[in-house]
Amino acid sequence: MWDMSSSAPIRWGMSSEQRLSLAELSALSDEQLMANLKAGCNDALAVLFRRYRKLVLSIALKIVRDPAEAEDVTQVVFLEIFRTVAQFDPSKSTTKVWILQYAYHRSIDRRQQLSRRNFYNSTDVEEIDNLIPGATPGYGRFTEAELKHLVQQGLATLNNSQRRVIELASYSGLSMKEIAEKTGDSLANVRHYYYRGLQKLRSFVLGTGEAKSA
């Protein structure tokens, strides 16, 4: 994937007399940047990327709920903007709105792709995350102390890989990508351990709760 965060200039499509420096481009409005991008000044895309990367990434992360996938979506969004810049009409939309539309659409597309591949394991991750000590408990049948104790018991039922990934994510606050780098496992394996482990943990806690209320 093209790393648009790089400071290396991209110099295609314009003569040396027409080129603006990155500093000059950075001083332009969004619409002026789009006009320069249409004219073949590809450095304009790097400026747009720096200007809107965090916003696009935040949208992607909220929708796909995975840092690595959100980064991929962000790259896809800006590459698509590069490919379709000729379609941009400043009389119909602002640059920001145009970029945000791509961010929403591509994020939703990626989430649907991930769902078809069972990436989320048909599990409501937000609900499961409430089981982790420190979060607001979502299961009123337990006191907080009981819930923490049950989670510790549930963690003991997981295999070593599942338990380690969940502890690194929940207690150390690491992303899936950071856990993969730390453990040496592939990102796909780390995700599998995490979601499968949380499923088993949820089943353990809910099963105990049902027995308790019986």
C-alpha atoms as a PDB file:
ATOM      1  CA  MET A   1       0.000   0.000   0.000  1.00  0.00           C
ATOM      2  CA  TRP A   2       1.210   3.497  -0.838  1.00  0.00           C
ATOM      3  CA  ASP A   3       2.388   5.342   2.271  1.00  0.00           C
ATOM      4  CA  MET A   4       0.992   8.833   1.779  1.00  0.00           C
ATOM      5  CA  SER A   5       2.285   9.935   5.179  1.00  0.00           C
ATOM      6  CA  SER A   6       5.798   9.899   3.765  1.00  0.00           C
ATOM      7  CA  SER A   7       7.461  13.280   3.328  1.00  0.00           C
ATOM      8  CA  ALA A   8       8.936  12.189  -0.003  1.00  0.00           C
ATOM      9  CA  PRO A   9       7.463  14.393  -2.746  1.00  0.00           C
ATOM     10  CA  ILE A  10       5.508  12.902  -5.643  1.00  0.00           C
ATOM     11  CA  ARG A  11       6.358  14.766  -8.842  1.00  0.00           C
ATOM     12  CA  TRP A  12       4.320  13.466 -11.772  1.00  0.00           C
ATOM     13  CA  GLY A  13       2.323  15.278 -14.402  1.00  0.00           C
ATOM     14  CA  MET A  14       3.512  18.889 -14.068  1.00  0.00           C
ATOM     15  CA  SER A  15       6.509  20.757 -15.423  1.00  0.00           C
ATOM     16  CA  SER A  16       9.103  22.131 -13.010  1.00  0.00           C
ATOM     17  CA  GLU A  17       7.811  25.649 -13.692  1.00  0.00           C
ATOM     18  CA  GLN A  18       4.303  24.685 -12.585  1.00  0.00           C
ATOM     19  CA  ARG A  19       5.197  22.798  -9.416  1.00  0.00           C
ATOM     20  CA  LEU A  20       4.463  24.231  -6.028  1.00  0.00           C
ATOM     21  CA  SER A  21       6.452  23.260  -2.965  1.00  0.00           C
ATOM     22  CA  LEU A  22       4.790  21.307  -0.172  1.00  0.00           C
ATOM     23  CA  ALA A  23       4.913  24.455   1.973  1.00  0.00           C
ATOM     24  CA  GLU A  24       3.100  26.420  -0.741  1.00  0.00           C
ATOM     25  CA  LEU A  25       0.542  23.666  -1.206  1.00  0.00           C
ATOM     26  CA  SER A  26      -0.074  23.488   2.538  1.00  0.00           C
ATOM     27  CA  ALA A  27      -1.150  27.137   2.501  1.00  0.00           C
ATOM     28  CA  LEU A  28      -3.861  26.505  -0.115  1.00  0.00           C
ATOM     29  CA  SER A  29      -7.541  25.912   0.554  1.00  0.00           C
ATOM     30  CA  ASP A  30      -9.037  22.445   0.097  1.00  0.00           C
ATOM     31  CA  GLU A  31     -10.609  23.429  -3.204  1.00  0.00           C
ATOM     32  CA  GLN A  32      -7.328  24.864  -4.473  1.00  0.00           C
ATOM     33  CA  LEU A  33      -5.616  21.623  -3.549  1.00  0.00           C
ATOM     34  CA  MET A  34      -8.208  19.655  -5.482  1.00  0.00           C
ATOM     35  CA  ALA A  35      -7.692  21.924  -8.492  1.00  0.00           C
ATOM     36  CA  ASN A  36      -3.941  21.320  -8.307  1.00  0.00           C
ATOM     37  CA  LEU A  37      -4.499  17.588  -7.966  1.00  0.00           C
ATOM     38  CA  LYS A  38      -6.716  17.635 -11.064  1.00  0.00           C
ATOM     39  CA  ALA A  39      -3.973  19.504 -12.910  1.00  0.00           C
ATOM     40  CA  GLY A  40      -1.477  16.768 -12.149  1.00  0.00           C
ATOM     41  CA  CYS A  41       0.196  18.058  -8.985  1.00  0.00           C
ATOM     42  CA  ASN A  42       0.174  14.840  -7.013  1.00  0.00           C
ATOM     43  CA  ASP A  43       1.874  16.432  -4.006  1.00  0.00           C
ATOM     44  CA  ALA A  44      -1.539  17.991  -3.344  1.00  0.00           C
ATOM     45  CA  LEU A  45      -2.809  14.550  -2.313  1.00  0.00           C
ATOM     46  CA  ALA A  46      -0.104  14.267   0.336  1.00  0.00           C
ATOM     47  CA  VAL A  47      -1.276  17.584   1.805  1.00  0.00           C
ATOM     48  CA  LEU A  48      -4.908  16.450   1.800  1.00  0.00           C
ATOM     49  CA  PHE A  49      -3.847  13.200   3.454  1.00  0.00           C
ATOM     50  CA  ARG A  50      -2.103  15.047   6.269  1.00  0.00           C
ATOM     51  CA  ARG A  51      -5.058  17.400   6.626  1.00  0.00           C
ATOM     52  CA  TYR A  52      -7.794  14.739   6.800  1.00  0.00           C
ATOM     53  CA  ARG A  53      -6.129  11.443   7.732  1.00  0.00           C
ATOM     54  CA  LYS A  54      -7.118  11.558  11.424  1.00  0.00           C
ATOM     55  CA  LEU A  55     -10.738  12.364  10.613  1.00  0.00           C
ATOM     56  CA  VAL A  56     -11.040   9.579   8.045  1.00  0.00           C
ATOM     57  CA  LEU A  57      -9.302   7.131  10.390  1.00  0.00           C
ATOM     58  CA  SER A  58     -11.652   7.982  13.264  1.00  0.00           C
ATOM     59  CA  ILE A  59     -14.692   7.316  11.063  1.00  0.00           C
ATOM     60  CA  ALA A  60     -13.247   4.041   9.788  1.00  0.00           C
ATOM     61  CA  LEU A  61     -12.372   2.903  13.320  1.00  0.00           C
ATOM     62  CA  LYS A  62     -15.887   3.567  14.608  1.00  0.00           C
ATOM     63  CA  ILE A  63     -17.382   1.506  11.797  1.00  0.00           C
ATOM     64  CA  VAL A  64     -14.961  -1.421  11.345  1.00  0.00           C
ATOM     65  CA  ARG A  65     -13.879  -1.501  15.026  1.00  0.00           C
ATOM     66  CA  ASP A  66     -10.354  -2.705  14.303  1.00  0.00           C
ATOM     67  CA  PRO A  67      -7.277  -0.416  14.141  1.00  0.00           C
ATOM     68  CA  ALA A  68      -5.438  -2.311  11.395  1.00  0.00           C
ATOM     69  CA  GLU A  69      -8.532  -2.552   9.192  1.00  0.00           C
ATOM     70  CA  ALA A  70      -9.282   1.133   9.793  1.00  0.00           C
ATOM     71  CA  GLU A  71      -5.769   2.059   8.642  1.00  0.00           C
ATOM     72  CA  ASP A  72      -6.285   0.020   5.474  1.00  0.00           C
ATOM     73  CA  VAL A  73      -9.611   1.738   4.817  1.00  0.00           C
ATOM     74  CA  THR A  74      -7.973   5.138   5.257  1.00  0.00           C
ATOM     75  CA  GLN A  75      -5.356   4.329   2.627  1.00  0.00           C
ATOM     76  CA  VAL A  76      -8.058   3.044   0.264  1.00  0.00           C
ATOM     77  CA  VAL A  77     -10.075   6.254   0.684  1.00  0.00           C
ATOM     78  CA  PHE A  78      -7.215   8.523  -0.340  1.00  0.00           C
ATOM     79  CA  LEU A  79      -6.123   6.299  -3.201  1.00  0.00           C
ATOM     80  CA  GLU A  80      -9.682   6.386  -4.513  1.00  0.00           C
ATOM     81  CA  ILE A  81      -9.734  10.172  -4.202  1.00  0.00           C
ATOM     82  CA  PHE A  82      -6.560  10.221  -6.299  1.00  0.00           C
ATOM     83  CA  ARG A  83      -8.133   8.012  -8.969  1.00  0.00           C
ATOM     84  CA  THR A  84     -11.476   9.840  -9.134  1.00  0.00           C
ATOM     85  CA  VAL A  85     -10.398  13.459  -8.593  1.00  0.00           C
ATOM     86  CA  ALA A  86     -11.669  14.385 -12.082  1.00  0.00           C
ATOM     87  CA  GLN A  87     -15.215  13.702 -10.838  1.00  0.00           C
ATOM     88  CA  PHE A  88     -14.998  16.273  -8.043  1.00  0.00           C
ATOM     89  CA  ASP A  89     -17.289  19.245  -8.633  1.00  0.00           C
ATOM     90  CA  PRO A  90     -16.740  22.098  -6.136  1.00  0.00           C
ATOM     91  CA  SER A  91     -20.136  23.565  -7.082  1.00  0.00           C
ATOM     92  CA  LYS A  92     -21.895  20.489  -5.689  1.00  0.00           C
ATOM     93  CA  SER A  93     -19.863  19.608  -2.613  1.00  0.00           C
ATOM     94  CA  THR A  94     -16.966  20.745  -0.472  1.00  0.00           C
ATOM     95  CA  THR A  95     -13.740  18.769  -0.451  1.00  0.00           C
ATOM     96  CA  LYS A  96     -14.286  17.787   3.184  1.00  0.00           C
ATOM     97  CA  VAL A  97     -17.781  16.421   2.552  1.00  0.00           C
ATOM     98  CA  TRP A  98     -16.551  14.572  -0.533  1.00  0.00           C
ATOM     99  CA  ILE A  99     -13.761  12.917   1.454  1.00  0.00           C
ATOM    100  CA  LEU A 100     -16.107  12.053   4.333  1.00  0.00           C
ATOM    101  CA  GLN A 101     -18.569  10.410   1.941  1.00  0.00           C
ATOM    102  CA  TYR A 102     -15.790   8.166   0.698  1.00  0.00           C
ATOM    103  CA  ALA A 103     -14.769   7.446   4.292  1.00  0.00           C
ATOM    104  CA  TYR A 104     -18.274   6.343   5.305  1.00  0.00           C
ATOM    105  CA  HIS A 105     -18.960   4.314   2.183  1.00  0.00           C
ATOM    106  CA  ARG A 106     -15.629   2.495   2.125  1.00  0.00           C
ATOM    107  CA  SER A 107     -15.794   1.810   5.877  1.00  0.00           C
ATOM    108  CA  ILE A 108     -19.254   0.285   5.529  1.00  0.00           C
ATOM    109  CA  ASP A 109     -18.081  -1.752   2.537  1.00  0.00           C
ATOM    110  CA  ARG A 110     -15.135  -3.088   4.566  1.00  0.00           C
ATOM    111  CA  ARG A 111     -17.337  -3.910   7.555  1.00  0.00           C
ATOM    112  CA  GLN A 112     -19.676  -5.895   5.311  1.00  0.00           C
ATOM    113  CA  GLN A 113     -16.701  -7.749   3.810  1.00  0.00           C
ATOM    114  CA  LEU A 114     -15.387  -8.579   7.280  1.00  0.00           C
ATOM    115  CA  SER A 115     -18.805  -9.756   8.414  1.00  0.00           C
ATOM    116  CA  ARG A 116     -19.079 -12.102   5.423  1.00  0.00           C
ATOM    117  CA  ARG A 117     -15.698 -13.576   6.418  1.00  0.00           C
ATOM    118  CA  ASN A 118     -16.961 -14.070  10.030  1.00  0.00           C
ATOM    119  CA  PHE A 119     -14.351 -11.585  11.214  1.00  0.00           C
ATOM    120  CA  TYR A 120     -16.566 -10.567  14.115  1.00  0.00           C
ATOM    121  CA  ASN A 121     -17.521 -14.150  14.924  1.00  0.00           C
ATOM    122  CA  SER A 122     -21.196 -13.089  15.071  1.00  0.00           C
ATOM    123  CA  THR A 123     -20.449 -11.602  18.482  1.00  0.00           C
ATOM    124  CA  ASP A 124     -21.426  -8.222  19.845  1.00  0.00           C
ATOM    125  CA  VAL A 125     -17.956  -7.113  20.904  1.00  0.00           C
ATOM    126  CA  GLU A 126     -19.178  -4.044  22.769  1.00  0.00           C
ATOM    127  CA  GLU A 127     -21.418  -6.222  24.925  1.00  0.00           C
ATOM    128  CA  ILE A 128     -18.607  -8.677  25.623  1.00  0.00           C
ATOM    129  CA  ASP A 129     -16.132  -5.929  26.489  1.00  0.00           C
ATOM    130  CA  ASN A 130     -18.397  -5.020  29.410  1.00  0.00           C
ATOM    131  CA  LEU A 131     -17.269  -8.237  31.062  1.00  0.00           C
ATOM    132  CA  ILE A 132     -13.728  -6.961  31.495  1.00  0.00           C
ATOM    133  CA  PRO A 133     -12.987  -5.570  34.972  1.00  0.00           C
ATOM    134  CA  GLY A 134     -12.848  -1.796  34.945  1.00  0.00           C
ATOM    135  CA  ALA A 135     -15.708  -1.469  32.462  1.00  0.00           C
ATOM    136  CA  THR A 136     -19.233  -0.714  33.566  1.00  0.00           C
ATOM    137  CA  PRO A 137     -20.826  -4.098  34.219  1.00  0.00           C
ATOM    138  CA  GLY A 138     -23.668  -4.923  31.857  1.00  0.00           C
ATOM    139  CA  TYR A 139     -25.000  -7.822  33.921  1.00  0.00           C
ATOM    140  CA  GLY A 140     -27.032  -6.536  36.863  1.00  0.00           C
ATOM    141  CA  ARG A 141     -27.384  -9.987  38.439  1.00  0.00           C
ATOM    142  CA  PHE A 142     -23.779  -9.685  39.717  1.00  0.00           C
ATOM    143  CA  THR A 143     -22.091  -7.240  42.014  1.00  0.00           C
ATOM    144  CA  GLU A 144     -18.898  -5.739  40.579  1.00  0.00           C
ATOM    145  CA  ALA A 145     -16.791  -7.932  42.889  1.00  0.00           C
ATOM    146  CA  GLU A 146     -18.663 -11.052  41.768  1.00  0.00           C
ATOM    147  CA  LEU A 147     -18.248 -10.137  38.131  1.00  0.00           C
ATOM    148  CA  LYS A 148     -14.505  -9.584  38.502  1.00  0.00           C
ATOM    149  CA  HIS A 149     -14.177 -12.930  40.251  1.00  0.00           C
ATOM    150  CA  LEU A 150     -16.162 -14.681  37.525  1.00  0.00           C
ATOM    151  CA  VAL A 151     -14.054 -13.098  34.798  1.00  0.00           C
ATOM    152  CA  GLN A 152     -10.895 -14.346  36.504  1.00  0.00           C
ATOM    153  CA  GLN A 153     -12.401 -17.823  36.679  1.00  0.00           C
ATOM    154  CA  GLY A 154     -13.457 -17.563  33.042  1.00  0.00           C
ATOM    155  CA  LEU A 155      -9.988 -16.485  31.931  1.00  0.00           C
ATOM    156  CA  ALA A 156      -8.602 -19.619  33.561  1.00  0.00           C
ATOM    157  CA  THR A 157     -10.740 -21.737  31.233  1.00  0.00           C
ATOM    158  CA  LEU A 158      -9.180 -20.225  28.088  1.00  0.00           C
ATOM    159  CA  ASN A 159      -6.115 -21.553  26.353  1.00  0.00           C
ATOM    160  CA  ASN A 160      -2.847 -19.674  26.816  1.00  0.00           C
ATOM    161  CA  SER A 161      -3.054 -17.799  23.512  1.00  0.00           C
ATOM    162  CA  GLN A 162      -6.612 -16.602  24.073  1.00  0.00           C
ATOM    163  CA  ARG A 163      -5.941 -15.539  27.643  1.00  0.00           C
ATOM    164  CA  ARG A 164      -2.752 -13.670  26.760  1.00  0.00           C
ATOM    165  CA  VAL A 165      -4.340 -11.721  23.917  1.00  0.00           C
ATOM    166  CA  ILE A 166      -7.372 -10.739  25.992  1.00  0.00           C
ATOM    167  CA  GLU A 167      -5.206  -9.615  28.902  1.00  0.00           C
ATOM    168  CA  LEU A 168      -2.919  -7.567  26.629  1.00  0.00           C
ATOM    169  CA  ALA A 169      -5.917  -5.929  24.954  1.00  0.00           C
ATOM    170  CA  SER A 170      -8.026  -5.338  28.060  1.00  0.00           C
ATOM    171  CA  TYR A 171      -5.481  -4.646  30.769  1.00  0.00           C
ATOM    172  CA  SER A 172      -2.559  -3.210  28.780  1.00  0.00           C
ATOM    173  CA  GLY A 173      -4.701  -1.420  26.218  1.00  0.00           C
ATOM    174  CA  LEU A 174      -2.806  -2.771  23.197  1.00  0.00           C
ATOM    175  CA  SER A 175      -4.337  -2.861  19.729  1.00  0.00           C
ATOM    176  CA  MET A 176      -4.561  -6.098  17.755  1.00  0.00           C
ATOM    177  CA  LYS A 177      -1.623  -4.967  15.609  1.00  0.00           C
ATOM    178  CA  GLU A 178       0.499  -4.159  18.676  1.00  0.00           C
ATOM    179  CA  ILE A 179      -0.308  -7.542  20.215  1.00  0.00           C
ATOM    180  CA  ALA A 180       0.722  -9.295  16.988  1.00  0.00           C
ATOM    181  CA  GLU A 181       4.049  -7.430  17.041  1.00  0.00           C
ATOM    182  CA  LYS A 182       4.579  -8.208  20.722  1.00  0.00           C
ATOM    183  CA  THR A 183       3.707 -11.910  20.523  1.00  0.00           C
ATOM    184  CA  GLY A 184       5.062 -12.677  17.055  1.00  0.00           C
ATOM    185  CA  ASP A 185       1.687 -14.120  16.001  1.00  0.00           C
ATOM    186  CA  SER A 186       0.007 -13.138  12.757  1.00  0.00           C
ATOM    187  CA  LEU A 187      -2.659 -10.444  12.955  1.00  0.00           C
ATOM    188  CA  ALA A 188      -5.270 -12.955  11.796  1.00  0.00           C
ATOM    189  CA  ASN A 189      -4.365 -15.348  14.619  1.00  0.00           C
ATOM    190  CA  VAL A 190      -4.441 -12.578  17.218  1.00  0.00           C
ATOM    191  CA  ARG A 191      -7.930 -11.536  16.114  1.00  0.00           C
ATOM    192  CA  HIS A 192      -9.098 -15.155  16.225  1.00  0.00           C
ATOM    193  CA  TYR A 193      -7.717 -15.653  19.749  1.00  0.00           C
ATOM    194  CA  TYR A 194      -9.318 -12.408  20.920  1.00  0.00           C
ATOM    195  CA  TYR A 195     -12.832 -12.892  19.584  1.00  0.00           C
ATOM    196  CA  ARG A 196     -12.940 -16.634  20.270  1.00  0.00           C
ATOM    197  CA  GLY A 197     -11.672 -16.076  23.804  1.00  0.00           C
ATOM    198  CA  LEU A 198     -14.238 -13.361  24.469  1.00  0.00           C
ATOM    199  CA  GLN A 199     -17.005 -15.613  23.209  1.00  0.00           C
ATOM    200  CA  LYS A 200     -15.951 -18.359  25.606  1.00  0.00           C
ATOM    201  CA  LEU A 201     -15.602 -15.848  28.438  1.00  0.00           C
ATOM    202  CA  ARG A 202     -19.080 -14.483  27.815  1.00  0.00           C
ATOM    203  CA  SER A 203     -20.560 -17.992  27.705  1.00  0.00           C
ATOM    204  CA  PHE A 204     -18.859 -18.834  31.009  1.00  0.00           C
ATOM    205  CA  VAL A 205     -20.145 -15.747  32.800  1.00  0.00           C
ATOM    206  CA  LEU A 206     -23.677 -15.975  31.412  1.00  0.00           C
ATOM    207  CA  GLY A 207     -23.827 -19.700  32.116  1.00  0.00           C
ATOM    208  CA  THR A 208     -22.829 -19.092  35.726  1.00  0.00           C
ATOM    209  CA  GLY A 209     -25.392 -16.340  36.003  1.00  0.00           C
ATOM    210  CA  GLU A 210     -28.143 -18.599  34.735  1.00  0.00           C
ATOM    211  CA  ALA A 211     -27.150 -21.259  37.256  1.00  0.00           C
ATOM    212  CA  LYS A 212     -27.111 -18.631  39.991  1.00  0.00           C
ATOM    213  CA  SER A 213     -30.622 -17.402  39.194  1.00  0.00           C
ATOM    214  CA  ALA A 214     -32.070 -20.905  38.824  1.00  0.00           C
END
